[in-house]
PDB file of all heavy atoms in Angstrom:
ATOM      1  N   ASP A   1     152.821  32.874 190.326  1.00  0.00           N
ATOM      2  CA  ASP A   1     154.087  32.062 190.404  1.00  0.00           C
ATOM      3  C   ASP A   1     153.866  30.699 189.903  1.00  0.00           C
ATOM      4  O   ASP A   1     154.750  30.172 189.175  1.00  0.00           O
ATOM      5  CB  ASP A   1     154.614  32.019 191.894  1.00  0.00           C
ATOM      6  CG  ASP A   1     155.188  33.312 192.342  1.00  0.00           C
ATOM      7  OD1 ASP A   1     155.538  34.189 191.479  1.00  0.00           O
ATOM      8  OD2 ASP A   1     155.270  33.524 193.535  1.00  0.00           O
ATOM      9  N   ALA A   2     152.685  30.055 190.236  1.00  0.00           N
ATOM     10  CA  ALA A   2     152.407  28.725 189.755  1.00  0.00           C
ATOM     11  C   ALA A   2     152.218  28.668 188.223  1.00  0.00           C
ATOM     12  O   ALA A   2     152.733  27.728 187.558  1.00  0.00           O
ATOM     13  CB  ALA A   2     151.179  28.131 190.409  1.00  0.00           C
ATOM     14  N   VAL A   3     151.581  29.669 187.690  1.00  0.00           N
ATOM     15  CA  VAL A   3     151.339  29.783 186.235  1.00  0.00           C
ATOM     16  C   VAL A   3     152.688  29.984 185.555  1.00  0.00           C
ATOM     17  O   VAL A   3     152.995  29.356 184.503  1.00  0.00           O
ATOM     18  CB  VAL A   3     150.333  30.831 185.886  1.00  0.00           C
ATOM     19  CG1 VAL A   3     150.263  31.094 184.381  1.00  0.00           C
ATOM     20  CG2 VAL A   3     148.982  30.468 186.371  1.00  0.00           C
ATOM     21  N   MET A   4     153.485  30.882 186.037  1.00  0.00           N
ATOM     22  CA  MET A   4     154.737  31.243 185.416  1.00  0.00           C
ATOM     23  C   MET A   4     155.729  30.018 185.467  1.00  0.00           C
ATOM     24  O   MET A   4     156.490  29.864 184.521  1.00  0.00           O
ATOM     25  CB  MET A   4     155.455  32.460 186.209  1.00  0.00           C
ATOM     26  CG  MET A   4     154.710  33.748 185.951  1.00  0.00           C
ATOM     27  SD  MET A   4     155.367  35.097 186.850  1.00  0.00           S
ATOM     28  CE  MET A   4     156.854  35.505 185.930  1.00  0.00           C
ATOM     29  N   LEU A   5     155.621  29.183 186.477  1.00  0.00           N
ATOM     30  CA  LEU A   5     156.477  28.034 186.557  1.00  0.00           C
ATOM     31  C   LEU A   5     156.086  27.048 185.443  1.00  0.00           C
ATOM     32  O   LEU A   5     157.082  26.540 184.751  1.00  0.00           O
ATOM     33  CB  LEU A   5     156.234  27.312 187.935  1.00  0.00           C
ATOM     34  CG  LEU A   5     156.992  25.956 188.118  1.00  0.00           C
ATOM     35  CD1 LEU A   5     158.518  26.178 188.055  1.00  0.00           C
ATOM     36  CD2 LEU A   5     156.652  25.306 189.442  1.00  0.00           C
ATOM     37  N   GLN A   6     154.812  26.866 185.168  1.00  0.00           N
ATOM     38  CA  GLN A   6     154.445  25.978 184.102  1.00  0.00           C
ATOM     39  C   GLN A   6     154.842  26.565 182.758  1.00  0.00           C
ATOM     40  O   GLN A   6     155.298  25.766 181.865  1.00  0.00           O
ATOM     41  CB  GLN A   6     152.944  25.764 184.081  1.00  0.00           C
ATOM     42  CG  GLN A   6     152.374  25.008 185.343  1.00  0.00           C
ATOM     43  CD  GLN A   6     153.031  23.592 185.462  1.00  0.00           C
ATOM     44  OE1 GLN A   6     153.385  22.928 184.506  1.00  0.00           O
ATOM     45  NE2 GLN A   6     153.240  23.193 186.729  1.00  0.00           N
ATOM     46  N   LEU A   7     154.715  27.866 182.541  1.00  0.00           N
ATOM     47  CA  LEU A   7     155.058  28.488 181.258  1.00  0.00           C
ATOM     48  C   LEU A   7     156.582  28.471 181.074  1.00  0.00           C
ATOM     49  O   LEU A   7     157.021  28.171 179.941  1.00  0.00           O
ATOM     50  CB  LEU A   7     154.575  29.950 181.274  1.00  0.00           C
ATOM     51  CG  LEU A   7     153.033  30.154 181.257  1.00  0.00           C
ATOM     52  CD1 LEU A   7     152.658  31.626 181.281  1.00  0.00           C
ATOM     53  CD2 LEU A   7     152.460  29.432 180.041  1.00  0.00           C
ATOM     54  N   THR A   8     157.316  28.699 182.114  1.00  0.00           N
ATOM     55  CA  THR A   8     158.818  28.571 181.956  1.00  0.00           C
ATOM     56  C   THR A   8     159.214  27.168 181.633  1.00  0.00           C
ATOM     57  O   THR A   8     160.083  26.987 180.767  1.00  0.00           O
ATOM     58  CB  THR A   8     159.476  29.046 183.298  1.00  0.00           C
ATOM     59  OG1 THR A   8     159.058  30.357 183.596  1.00  0.00           O
ATOM     60  CG2 THR A   8     161.008  29.013 183.206  1.00  0.00           C
ATOM     61  N   ARG A   9     158.569  26.218 182.278  1.00  0.00           N
ATOM     62  CA  ARG A   9     158.886  24.768 181.949  1.00  0.00           C
ATOM     63  C   ARG A   9     158.527  24.537 180.512  1.00  0.00           C
ATOM     64  O   ARG A   9     159.290  23.731 179.809  1.00  0.00           O
ATOM     65  CB  ARG A   9     158.184  23.870 182.912  1.00  0.00           C
ATOM     66  CG  ARG A   9     158.812  23.845 184.309  1.00  0.00           C
ATOM     67  CD  ARG A   9     157.940  22.950 185.235  1.00  0.00           C
ATOM     68  NE  ARG A   9     158.599  22.781 186.576  1.00  0.00           N
ATOM     69  CZ  ARG A   9     158.027  22.282 187.611  1.00  0.00           C
ATOM     70  NH1 ARG A   9     156.854  21.811 187.512  1.00  0.00           N
ATOM     71  NH2 ARG A   9     158.734  22.176 188.730  1.00  0.00           N
ATOM     72  N   ALA A  10     157.437  24.991 180.058  1.00  0.00           N
ATOM     73  CA  ALA A  10     157.006  24.746 178.693  1.00  0.00           C
ATOM     74  C   ALA A  10     158.015  25.341 177.706  1.00  0.00           C
ATOM     75  O   ALA A  10     158.407  24.729 176.687  1.00  0.00           O
ATOM     76  CB  ALA A  10     155.616  25.353 178.445  1.00  0.00           C
ATOM     77  N   ARG A  11     158.394  26.555 177.966  1.00  0.00           N
ATOM     78  CA  ARG A  11     159.367  27.295 177.053  1.00  0.00           C
ATOM     79  C   ARG A  11     160.708  26.544 177.118  1.00  0.00           C
ATOM     80  O   ARG A  11     161.370  26.356 176.044  1.00  0.00           O
ATOM     81  CB  ARG A  11     159.564  28.705 177.505  1.00  0.00           C
ATOM     82  CG  ARG A  11     160.431  29.534 176.585  1.00  0.00           C
ATOM     83  CD  ARG A  11     160.495  30.976 176.962  1.00  0.00           C
ATOM     84  NE  ARG A  11     160.989  31.148 178.324  1.00  0.00           N
ATOM     85  CZ  ARG A  11     161.108  32.325 178.919  1.00  0.00           C
ATOM     86  NH1 ARG A  11     160.645  33.463 178.271  1.00  0.00           N
ATOM     87  NH2 ARG A  11     161.633  32.522 180.152  1.00  0.00           N
ATOM     88  N   ASN A  12     161.155  26.168 178.309  1.00  0.00           N
ATOM     89  CA  ASN A  12     162.401  25.483 178.377  1.00  0.00           C
ATOM     90  C   ASN A  12     162.488  24.102 177.617  1.00  0.00           C
ATOM     91  O   ASN A  12     163.528  23.711 177.186  1.00  0.00           O
ATOM     92  CB  ASN A  12     162.783  25.213 179.860  1.00  0.00           C
ATOM     93  CG  ASN A  12     163.153  26.470 180.611  1.00  0.00           C
ATOM     94  OD1 ASN A  12     163.432  27.505 179.996  1.00  0.00           O
ATOM     95  ND2 ASN A  12     163.252  26.433 181.949  1.00  0.00           N
ATOM     96  N   ARG A  13     161.314  23.429 177.648  1.00  0.00           N
ATOM     97  CA  ARG A  13     161.259  22.172 176.853  1.00  0.00           C
ATOM     98  C   ARG A  13     161.588  22.360 175.354  1.00  0.00           C
ATOM     99  O   ARG A  13     162.129  21.499 174.717  1.00  0.00           O
ATOM    100  CB  ARG A  13     159.942  21.431 177.074  1.00  0.00           C
ATOM    101  CG  ARG A  13     159.850  20.853 178.426  1.00  0.00           C
ATOM    102  CD  ARG A  13     160.941  19.843 178.703  1.00  0.00           C
ATOM    103  NE  ARG A  13     160.739  18.528 178.010  1.00  0.00           N
ATOM    104  CZ  ARG A  13     161.680  17.908 177.324  1.00  0.00           C
ATOM    105  NH1 ARG A  13     162.887  18.480 177.180  1.00  0.00           N
ATOM    106  NH2 ARG A  13     161.513  16.760 176.757  1.00  0.00           N
ATOM    107  N   LEU A  14     161.116  23.591 174.886  1.00  0.00           N
ATOM    108  CA  LEU A  14     161.361  23.816 173.396  1.00  0.00           C
ATOM    109  C   LEU A  14     162.691  24.488 173.124  1.00  0.00           C
ATOM    110  O   LEU A  14     163.276  24.376 171.993  1.00  0.00           O
ATOM    111  CB  LEU A  14     160.223  24.776 172.908  1.00  0.00           C
ATOM    112  CG  LEU A  14     158.811  24.257 172.941  1.00  0.00           C
ATOM    113  CD1 LEU A  14     157.829  25.223 172.371  1.00  0.00           C
ATOM    114  CD2 LEU A  14     158.755  22.838 172.181  1.00  0.00           C
ATOM    115  N   THR A  15     163.269  25.132 174.114  1.00  0.00           N
ATOM    116  CA  THR A  15     164.545  25.867 173.883  1.00  0.00           C
ATOM    117  C   THR A  15     165.782  25.020 174.386  1.00  0.00           C
ATOM    118  O   THR A  15     166.865  25.325 174.000  1.00  0.00           O
ATOM    119  CB  THR A  15     164.523  27.190 174.689  1.00  0.00           C
ATOM    120  OG1 THR A  15     164.371  26.968 176.064  1.00  0.00           O
ATOM    121  CG2 THR A  15     163.396  28.108 174.168  1.00  0.00           C
ATOM    122  N   THR A  16     165.515  23.988 175.114  1.00  0.00           N
ATOM    123  CA  THR A  16     166.654  23.170 175.709  1.00  0.00           C
ATOM    124  C   THR A  16     166.460  21.693 175.396  1.00  0.00           C
ATOM    125  O   THR A  16     165.814  20.968 176.178  1.00  0.00           O
ATOM    126  CB  THR A  16     166.780  23.378 177.263  1.00  0.00           C
ATOM    127  OG1 THR A  16     166.716  24.805 177.531  1.00  0.00           O
ATOM    128  CG2 THR A  16     168.055  22.786 177.735  1.00  0.00           C
ATOM    129  N   PRO A  17     166.959  21.244 174.262  1.00  0.00           N
ATOM    130  CA  PRO A  17     166.854  19.809 173.962  1.00  0.00           C
ATOM    131  C   PRO A  17     167.573  18.885 175.017  1.00  0.00           C
ATOM    132  O   PRO A  17     168.472  19.397 175.677  1.00  0.00           O
ATOM    133  CB  PRO A  17     167.616  19.684 172.614  1.00  0.00           C
ATOM    134  CG  PRO A  17     167.617  21.108 172.045  1.00  0.00           C
ATOM    135  CD  PRO A  17     167.664  21.933 173.184  1.00  0.00           C
ATOM    136  N   ALA A  18     167.021  17.689 175.186  1.00  0.00           N
ATOM    137  CA  ALA A  18     167.634  16.779 176.175  1.00  0.00           C
ATOM    138  C   ALA A  18     169.032  16.326 175.694  1.00  0.00           C
ATOM    139  O   ALA A  18     169.260  16.100 174.488  1.00  0.00           O
ATOM    140  CB  ALA A  18     166.730  15.583 176.330  1.00  0.00           C
ATOM    141  N   SER A  19     169.946  16.183 176.633  1.00  0.00           N
ATOM    142  CA  SER A  19     171.272  15.594 176.408  1.00  0.00           C
ATOM    143  C   SER A  19     171.108  14.133 176.409  1.00  0.00           C
ATOM    144  O   SER A  19     170.412  13.558 177.158  1.00  0.00           O
ATOM    145  CB  SER A  19     172.235  16.106 177.475  1.00  0.00           C
ATOM    146  OG  SER A  19     172.392  17.489 177.406  1.00  0.00           O
ATOM    147  N   MET A  20     171.901  13.424 175.518  1.00  0.00           N
ATOM    148  CA  MET A  20     171.980  12.038 175.446  1.00  0.00           C
ATOM    149  C   MET A  20     173.445  11.558 175.190  1.00  0.00           C
ATOM    150  O   MET A  20     174.210  12.263 174.571  1.00  0.00           O
ATOM    151  CB  MET A  20     171.098  11.489 174.289  1.00  0.00           C
ATOM    152  CG  MET A  20     169.582  11.715 174.483  1.00  0.00           C
ATOM    153  SD  MET A  20     168.629  11.062 173.112  1.00  0.00           S
ATOM    154  CE  MET A  20     168.737   9.291 173.479  1.00  0.00           C
ATOM    155  N   THR A  21     173.721  10.419 175.725  1.00  0.00           N
ATOM    156  CA  THR A  21     175.020   9.866 175.455  1.00  0.00           C
ATOM    157  C   THR A  21     174.944   9.121 174.101  1.00  0.00           C
ATOM    158  O   THR A  21     173.856   8.762 173.595  1.00  0.00           O
ATOM    159  CB  THR A  21     175.473   8.866 176.523  1.00  0.00           C
ATOM    160  OG1 THR A  21     174.484   7.671 176.465  1.00  0.00           O
ATOM    161  CG2 THR A  21     175.417   9.432 177.902  1.00  0.00           C
ATOM    162  N   LEU A  22     176.080   8.816 173.496  1.00  0.00           N
ATOM    163  CA  LEU A  22     176.131   8.135 172.215  1.00  0.00           C
ATOM    164  C   LEU A  22     175.556   6.720 172.345  1.00  0.00           C
ATOM    165  O   LEU A  22     174.846   6.243 171.466  1.00  0.00           O
ATOM    166  CB  LEU A  22     177.500   8.167 171.645  1.00  0.00           C
ATOM    167  CG  LEU A  22     177.954   9.538 171.133  1.00  0.00           C
ATOM    168  CD1 LEU A  22     179.469   9.633 170.890  1.00  0.00           C
ATOM    169  CD2 LEU A  22     177.245   9.937 169.866  1.00  0.00           C
ATOM    170  N   PRO A  23     175.893   5.915 173.396  1.00  0.00           N
ATOM    171  CA  PRO A  23     175.267   4.618 173.559  1.00  0.00           C
ATOM    172  C   PRO A  23     173.744   4.715 173.693  1.00  0.00           C
ATOM    173  O   PRO A  23     173.046   3.830 173.181  1.00  0.00           O
ATOM    174  CB  PRO A  23     175.888   4.077 174.843  1.00  0.00           C
ATOM    175  CG  PRO A  23     177.234   4.756 174.927  1.00  0.00           C
ATOM    176  CD  PRO A  23     176.977   6.167 174.457  1.00  0.00           C
ATOM    177  N   GLU A  24     173.200   5.752 174.351  1.00  0.00           N
ATOM    178  CA  GLU A  24     171.802   5.903 174.404  1.00  0.00           C
ATOM    179  C   GLU A  24     171.217   6.117 173.077  1.00  0.00           C
ATOM    180  O   GLU A  24     170.042   5.585 172.715  1.00  0.00           O
ATOM    181  CB  GLU A  24     171.394   7.066 175.357  1.00  0.00           C
ATOM    182  CG  GLU A  24     171.619   6.767 176.832  1.00  0.00           C
ATOM    183  CD  GLU A  24     171.493   8.021 177.679  1.00  0.00           C
ATOM    184  OE1 GLU A  24     171.627   9.191 177.169  1.00  0.00           O
ATOM    185  OE2 GLU A  24     171.347   7.854 178.912  1.00  0.00           O
TER     186      GLU A  24
END
């Protein structure tokens, strides 16, 4: 479970770009 959590987070960082506001 601990390993899968890290792998899921790693994959999510590449598949889900961060949202930003236009002023940001």
